[in-house]
């Protein structure tokens, strides 16, 4: 009986690990980067825009948001405010 419980627990752990790999392991790396973005290199700079973000944004993307995102990491703010 103990062997059966151990086998069931092992199976549950394996299934949980595979679920984690499929859904969350691809998100490792820089938190701001979407899939396919170059997060490894000399500088961690992602492309501008909502499509390059890892997490979905529930609100609309305005021109001000776009200009601010394009200007980062520059020290000068965009002139579209």
Protein backbone atom coordinates (compact mmCIF):
# COMPACT_ATOMS: atom_id res chain seq x y z
CA UNK A 1 0.00 0.00 0.00
CA UNK A 2 2.84 2.41 0.84
CA UNK A 3 4.48 1.68 -2.50
CA UNK A 4 1.26 2.57 -4.32
CA UNK A 5 1.01 5.88 -2.42
CA UNK A 6 4.63 6.64 -3.22
CA UNK A 7 4.06 5.93 -6.92
CA UNK A 8 0.97 8.16 -6.95
CA UNK A 9 2.89 10.96 -5.25
CA UNK A 10 5.75 10.62 -7.73
CA UNK A 11 3.32 10.74 -10.66
CA UNK A 12 1.66 13.84 -9.23
CA UNK A 13 5.05 15.52 -8.83
CA UNK A 14 6.05 14.66 -12.39
CA UNK A 15 2.79 16.00 -13.83
CA UNK A 16 3.13 19.18 -11.76
CA UNK A 17 6.70 19.70 -12.93
CA UNK A 18 5.74 19.26 -16.59
CA UNK A 19 2.87 21.74 -16.12
CA UNK A 20 5.31 24.25 -14.61
CA UNK A 21 7.80 23.77 -17.44
CA UNK A 22 5.14 24.29 -20.08
CA UNK A 23 3.49 27.36 -18.56
CA UNK A 24 6.08 29.18 -16.48
CA UNK A 25 9.61 28.09 -17.33
CA UNK A 26 9.65 30.12 -20.56
CA UNK A 27 9.12 33.27 -18.49
CA UNK A 28 12.47 33.00 -16.81
CA UNK A 29 14.98 35.65 -17.73
CA UNK A 30 14.40 39.37 -17.59
CA UNK A 31 10.92 40.10 -16.24
CA UNK A 32 10.11 42.86 -18.75
CA UNK A 33 10.84 40.85 -21.88
CA UNK A 34 8.23 39.11 -24.01
CA UNK A 35 8.99 35.74 -25.54
CA UNK A 36 11.53 36.01 -28.33
CA UNK A 37 13.00 39.26 -27.05
CA UNK A 38 16.80 39.31 -26.68
CA UNK A 39 17.17 39.29 -22.89
CA UNK A 40 20.76 38.10 -22.87
CA UNK A 41 23.63 40.29 -23.96
CA UNK A 42 25.66 43.28 -22.89
CA UNK A 43 22.61 45.44 -22.20
CA UNK A 44 19.16 44.35 -21.16
CA UNK A 45 17.08 46.63 -23.39
CA UNK A 46 13.84 45.36 -24.85
CA UNK A 47 11.99 46.68 -27.89
CA UNK A 48 9.50 49.48 -27.27
CA UNK A 49 5.78 48.93 -27.26
CA UNK A 50 3.19 46.72 -25.61
CA UNK A 51 3.99 43.73 -27.83
CA UNK A 52 7.49 43.53 -26.36
CA UNK A 53 6.21 43.32 -22.78
CA UNK A 54 6.04 39.99 -21.04
CA UNK A 55 2.83 40.65 -19.11
CA UNK A 56 -0.42 41.68 -20.76
CA UNK A 57 -1.69 45.18 -20.13
CA UNK A 58 -5.42 45.54 -19.49
CA UNK A 59 -5.65 49.18 -20.52
CA UNK A 60 -5.24 50.85 -23.90
CA UNK A 61 -1.77 51.94 -24.96
CA UNK A 62 -1.72 55.72 -25.55
CA UNK A 63 0.69 57.87 -27.57
CA UNK A 64 2.16 59.12 -24.30
CA UNK A 65 2.80 55.55 -23.16
CA UNK A 66 4.47 54.76 -26.48
CA UNK A 67 6.67 57.88 -26.40
CA UNK A 68 7.69 57.23 -22.82
CA UNK A 69 8.49 53.60 -23.57
CA UNK A 70 10.55 54.55 -26.64
CA UNK A 71 12.58 57.13 -24.70
CA UNK A 72 13.65 54.76 -21.92
CA UNK A 73 16.52 54.52 -20.80
CA UNK A 74 17.34 57.98 -22.22
CA UNK A 75 17.48 60.83 -19.73
CA UNK A 76 15.45 63.25 -21.85
CA UNK A 77 11.66 62.92 -21.70
CA UNK A 78 9.76 62.75 -24.99
CA UNK A 79 8.29 65.99 -26.36
CA UNK A 80 4.82 64.53 -26.89
CA UNK A 81 3.48 65.18 -23.38
